[in-house]
């Protein structure tokens, strides 16, 4: 049975040259050399720290990307009110 503890989950925030900057639920950021990560890792991937090392959780990554797309669409589809823009005077 997989360990679903939030303590073993990292999100790849960004990749800078040969380093992946990953954030845990605590908000703490870790710098991890790309050579220590699974092949094909990309920004936004969910990583699980397992006894076999860091693995990409493709199901959780897909679920989060779909949810973020829904949130973005809802935000983009909101009616705009012209008076709320402080630059529109």
N, C-alpha and C. Protein backbone atom coordinates (compact mmCIF):
# COMPACT_ATOMS: atom_id res chain seq x y z
N UNK A 1 0.84 -1.18 0.00
CA UNK A 1 0.00 0.00 0.00
C UNK A 1 0.88 1.24 0.00
N UNK A 2 0.62 2.22 -0.91
CA UNK A 2 1.47 3.39 -0.98
C UNK A 2 1.31 4.30 0.24
N UNK A 3 2.38 4.99 0.56
CA UNK A 3 2.35 5.95 1.65
C UNK A 3 1.77 7.25 1.11
N UNK A 4 0.56 7.61 1.54
CA UNK A 4 -0.09 8.82 1.05
C UNK A 4 0.11 10.01 1.96
N UNK A 5 1.06 9.92 2.85
CA UNK A 5 1.36 11.02 3.75
C UNK A 5 1.81 12.25 2.98
N UNK A 6 1.32 13.41 3.38
CA UNK A 6 1.74 14.64 2.71
C UNK A 6 3.21 14.95 2.98
N UNK A 7 3.79 14.30 3.97
CA UNK A 7 5.20 14.53 4.28
C UNK A 7 6.13 13.99 3.20
N UNK A 8 5.65 13.09 2.38
CA UNK A 8 6.53 12.49 1.38
C UNK A 8 6.24 13.01 -0.03
N UNK A 9 5.52 14.12 -0.14
CA UNK A 9 5.14 14.67 -1.44
C UNK A 9 5.89 15.98 -1.69
N UNK A 10 6.43 16.09 -2.90
CA UNK A 10 7.07 17.33 -3.35
C UNK A 10 6.46 17.70 -4.70
N UNK A 11 6.36 19.00 -4.95
CA UNK A 11 5.89 19.50 -6.24
C UNK A 11 7.07 20.20 -6.90
N UNK A 12 7.34 19.86 -8.16
CA UNK A 12 8.42 20.53 -8.89
C UNK A 12 7.91 21.92 -9.27
N UNK A 13 8.44 22.93 -8.61
CA UNK A 13 8.03 24.30 -8.86
C UNK A 13 8.64 24.82 -10.14
N UNK A 14 9.94 24.64 -10.28
CA UNK A 14 10.63 25.08 -11.49
C UNK A 14 11.95 24.35 -11.63
N UNK A 15 12.44 24.36 -12.85
CA UNK A 15 13.73 23.75 -13.13
C UNK A 15 14.64 24.84 -13.65
N UNK A 16 15.78 25.00 -13.00
CA UNK A 16 16.77 26.01 -13.37
C UNK A 16 18.07 25.28 -13.68
N UNK A 17 18.39 25.28 -14.97
CA UNK A 17 19.58 24.58 -15.46
C UNK A 17 19.56 23.12 -15.04
N UNK A 18 20.36 22.71 -14.09
CA UNK A 18 20.43 21.29 -13.70
C UNK A 18 19.84 21.04 -12.31
N UNK A 19 19.05 21.98 -11.81
CA UNK A 19 18.47 21.88 -10.48
C UNK A 19 16.94 22.00 -10.57
N UNK A 20 16.25 21.13 -9.86
CA UNK A 20 14.80 21.24 -9.73
C UNK A 20 14.51 21.84 -8.35
N UNK A 21 13.75 22.92 -8.34
CA UNK A 21 13.32 23.52 -7.07
C UNK A 21 11.96 22.94 -6.75
N UNK A 22 11.90 22.18 -5.67
CA UNK A 22 10.69 21.45 -5.29
C UNK A 22 10.17 21.97 -3.96
N UNK A 23 8.85 22.05 -3.86
CA UNK A 23 8.23 22.56 -2.63
C UNK A 23 7.37 21.49 -2.00
N UNK A 24 7.50 21.35 -0.69
CA UNK A 24 6.67 20.42 0.07
C UNK A 24 5.47 21.15 0.64
N UNK A 25 4.57 20.41 1.27
CA UNK A 25 3.38 21.01 1.85
C UNK A 25 3.70 21.98 2.98
N UNK A 26 4.85 21.82 3.60
CA UNK A 26 5.24 22.73 4.67
C UNK A 26 5.64 24.09 4.13
N UNK A 27 5.83 24.17 2.80
CA UNK A 27 6.29 25.41 2.19
C UNK A 27 7.79 25.46 2.02
N UNK A 28 8.46 24.48 2.59
CA UNK A 28 9.92 24.43 2.49
C UNK A 28 10.32 24.02 1.08
N UNK A 29 11.31 24.71 0.52
CA UNK A 29 11.80 24.42 -0.81
C UNK A 29 13.09 23.62 -0.73
N UNK A 30 13.18 22.61 -1.61
CA UNK A 30 14.39 21.80 -1.69
C UNK A 30 14.96 21.93 -3.09
N UNK A 31 16.27 22.04 -3.17
CA UNK A 31 16.96 22.04 -4.45
C UNK A 31 17.47 20.63 -4.69
N UNK A 32 17.03 20.01 -5.78
CA UNK A 32 17.40 18.63 -6.06
C UNK A 32 18.04 18.57 -7.45
N UNK A 33 19.25 18.05 -7.54
CA UNK A 33 19.87 17.91 -8.86
C UNK A 33 19.01 17.03 -9.78
N UNK A 34 18.86 17.45 -11.04
CA UNK A 34 18.03 16.70 -11.98
C UNK A 34 18.49 15.26 -12.13
N UNK A 35 19.77 15.00 -11.97
CA UNK A 35 20.28 13.65 -12.08
C UNK A 35 19.73 12.70 -11.02
N UNK A 36 19.19 13.24 -9.95
CA UNK A 36 18.61 12.40 -8.89
C UNK A 36 17.11 12.18 -9.08
N UNK A 37 16.54 12.81 -10.10
CA UNK A 37 15.10 12.71 -10.34
C UNK A 37 14.81 11.75 -11.49
N UNK A 38 13.58 11.24 -11.55
CA UNK A 38 13.23 10.33 -12.63
C UNK A 38 13.35 11.01 -14.00
N UNK A 39 13.70 10.26 -15.02
CA UNK A 39 13.76 10.83 -16.37
C UNK A 39 12.41 11.41 -16.77
N UNK A 40 12.44 12.54 -17.46
CA UNK A 40 11.21 13.15 -17.95
C UNK A 40 10.50 14.04 -16.95
N UNK A 41 11.08 14.26 -15.79
CA UNK A 41 10.44 15.13 -14.79
C UNK A 41 10.28 16.53 -15.37
N UNK A 42 9.16 17.18 -15.04
CA UNK A 42 8.93 18.54 -15.53
C UNK A 42 8.24 19.38 -14.47
N UNK A 43 8.20 20.68 -14.71
CA UNK A 43 7.58 21.60 -13.77
C UNK A 43 6.12 21.22 -13.56
N UNK A 44 5.70 21.23 -12.31
CA UNK A 44 4.33 20.88 -11.96
C UNK A 44 4.14 19.42 -11.58
N UNK A 45 5.16 18.60 -11.84
CA UNK A 45 5.03 17.19 -11.48
C UNK A 45 4.98 17.00 -9.97
N UNK A 46 4.19 16.02 -9.55
CA UNK A 46 4.12 15.63 -8.15
C UNK A 46 5.10 14.47 -7.96
N UNK A 47 6.00 14.61 -6.99
CA UNK A 47 6.97 13.57 -6.68
C UNK A 47 6.64 12.96 -5.33
N UNK A 48 6.80 11.66 -5.24
CA UNK A 48 6.65 10.96 -3.97
C UNK A 48 7.99 10.40 -3.58
N UNK A 49 8.36 10.64 -2.33
CA UNK A 49 9.61 10.11 -1.79
C UNK A 49 9.30 8.72 -1.24
N UNK A 50 9.78 7.70 -1.93
CA UNK A 50 9.49 6.31 -1.55
C UNK A 50 10.78 5.61 -1.15
N UNK A 51 10.64 4.39 -0.71
CA UNK A 51 11.84 3.60 -0.37
C UNK A 51 12.70 3.35 -1.60
N UNK A 52 12.10 3.47 -2.80
CA UNK A 52 12.84 3.29 -4.05
C UNK A 52 13.36 4.62 -4.61
N UNK A 53 13.21 5.70 -3.87
CA UNK A 53 13.65 7.02 -4.32
C UNK A 53 12.47 7.88 -4.72
N UNK A 54 12.76 9.00 -5.34
CA UNK A 54 11.71 9.92 -5.79
C UNK A 54 11.09 9.40 -7.07
N UNK A 55 9.76 9.29 -7.07
CA UNK A 55 9.02 8.81 -8.23
C UNK A 55 7.96 9.83 -8.61
N UNK A 56 7.70 9.96 -9.91
CA UNK A 56 6.64 10.85 -10.37
C UNK A 56 5.30 10.16 -10.13
N UNK A 57 4.40 10.85 -9.46
CA UNK A 57 3.04 10.36 -9.25
C UNK A 57 2.20 10.93 -10.40
N UNK A 58 2.11 10.17 -11.47
CA UNK A 58 1.45 10.66 -12.69
C UNK A 58 -0.05 10.89 -12.48
N UNK A 59 -0.71 10.04 -11.68
CA UNK A 59 -2.14 10.23 -11.43
C UNK A 59 -2.39 11.53 -10.68
N UNK A 60 -1.62 11.78 -9.63
CA UNK A 60 -1.80 13.01 -8.85
C UNK A 60 -1.41 14.23 -9.67
N UNK A 61 -0.37 14.12 -10.47
CA UNK A 61 0.03 15.23 -11.34
C UNK A 61 -1.10 15.57 -12.30
N UNK A 62 -1.70 14.56 -12.93
CA UNK A 62 -2.80 14.78 -13.87
C UNK A 62 -4.01 15.39 -13.17
N UNK A 63 -4.32 14.88 -11.98
CA UNK A 63 -5.46 15.40 -11.22
C UNK A 63 -5.25 16.88 -10.89
N UNK A 64 -4.07 17.24 -10.45
CA UNK A 64 -3.78 18.63 -10.09
C UNK A 64 -3.79 19.54 -11.31
N UNK A 65 -3.24 19.07 -12.41
CA UNK A 65 -3.24 19.89 -13.64
C UNK A 65 -4.66 20.13 -14.13
N UNK A 66 -5.51 19.10 -14.06
CA UNK A 66 -6.91 19.26 -14.48
C UNK A 66 -7.62 20.25 -13.57
N UNK A 67 -7.39 20.14 -12.27
CA UNK A 67 -8.02 21.07 -11.31
C UNK A 67 -7.55 22.50 -11.54
N UNK A 68 -6.26 22.68 -11.78
CA UNK A 68 -5.73 24.02 -12.05
C UNK A 68 -6.32 24.60 -13.33
N UNK A 69 -6.51 23.75 -14.35
CA UNK A 69 -7.13 24.21 -15.60
C UNK A 69 -8.57 24.65 -15.35
N UNK A 70 -9.31 23.90 -14.52
CA UNK A 70 -10.68 24.28 -14.17
C UNK A 70 -10.71 25.62 -13.46
N UNK A 71 -9.81 25.80 -12.50
CA UNK A 71 -9.76 27.06 -11.75
C UNK A 71 -9.42 28.23 -12.66
N UNK A 72 -8.46 28.01 -13.57
CA UNK A 72 -8.08 29.08 -14.49
C UNK A 72 -9.24 29.44 -15.40
N UNK A 73 -9.95 28.43 -15.91
CA UNK A 73 -11.08 28.69 -16.79
C UNK A 73 -12.17 29.45 -16.05
N UNK A 74 -12.45 29.06 -14.82
CA UNK A 74 -13.47 29.76 -14.02
C UNK A 74 -13.07 31.22 -13.80
N UNK A 75 -11.81 31.44 -13.58
CA UNK A 75 -11.32 32.81 -13.38
C UNK A 75 -11.43 33.60 -14.67
N UNK A 76 -11.04 33.00 -15.78
CA UNK A 76 -11.08 33.68 -17.08
C UNK A 76 -12.52 33.96 -17.53
N UNK A 77 -13.45 33.09 -17.13
CA UNK A 77 -14.86 33.24 -17.55
C UNK A 77 -15.66 34.18 -16.66
N UNK A 78 -15.07 34.65 -15.58
CA UNK A 78 -15.82 35.55 -14.68
C UNK A 78 -16.18 36.84 -15.40
N UNK A 79 -17.37 37.36 -15.12
CA UNK A 79 -17.73 38.66 -15.70
C UNK A 79 -16.80 39.74 -15.16
N UNK A 80 -16.42 40.62 -16.02
CA UNK A 80 -15.52 41.70 -15.61
C UNK A 80 -16.35 42.95 -15.29
N UNK A 81 -15.93 43.66 -14.27
CA UNK A 81 -16.55 44.94 -13.96
C UNK A 81 -15.49 46.01 -14.17
N UNK A 82 -15.76 46.92 -15.05
CA UNK A 82 -14.79 47.94 -15.43
C UNK A 82 -14.29 48.80 -14.29
N UNK A 83 -15.13 49.04 -13.27
CA UNK A 83 -14.74 49.94 -12.19
C UNK A 83 -13.72 49.32 -11.24
N UNK A 84 -13.48 48.03 -11.34
CA UNK A 84 -12.54 47.38 -10.41
C UNK A 84 -11.09 47.54 -10.82
N UNK A 85 -10.84 47.93 -12.05
CA UNK A 85 -9.48 48.10 -12.52
C UNK A 85 -8.98 49.48 -12.13
N UNK A 86 -8.00 49.54 -11.27
CA UNK A 86 -7.51 50.84 -10.78
C UNK A 86 -6.83 51.65 -11.86
N UNK A 87 -6.49 51.01 -12.98
CA UNK A 87 -5.84 51.73 -14.06
C UNK A 87 -6.84 52.26 -15.07
N UNK A 88 -8.10 51.89 -14.93
CA UNK A 88 -9.18 52.33 -15.80
C UNK A 88 -9.85 53.55 -15.18
N UNK A 89 -9.27 54.68 -15.28
CA UNK A 89 -9.87 55.88 -14.65
C UNK A 89 -10.23 56.88 -15.70
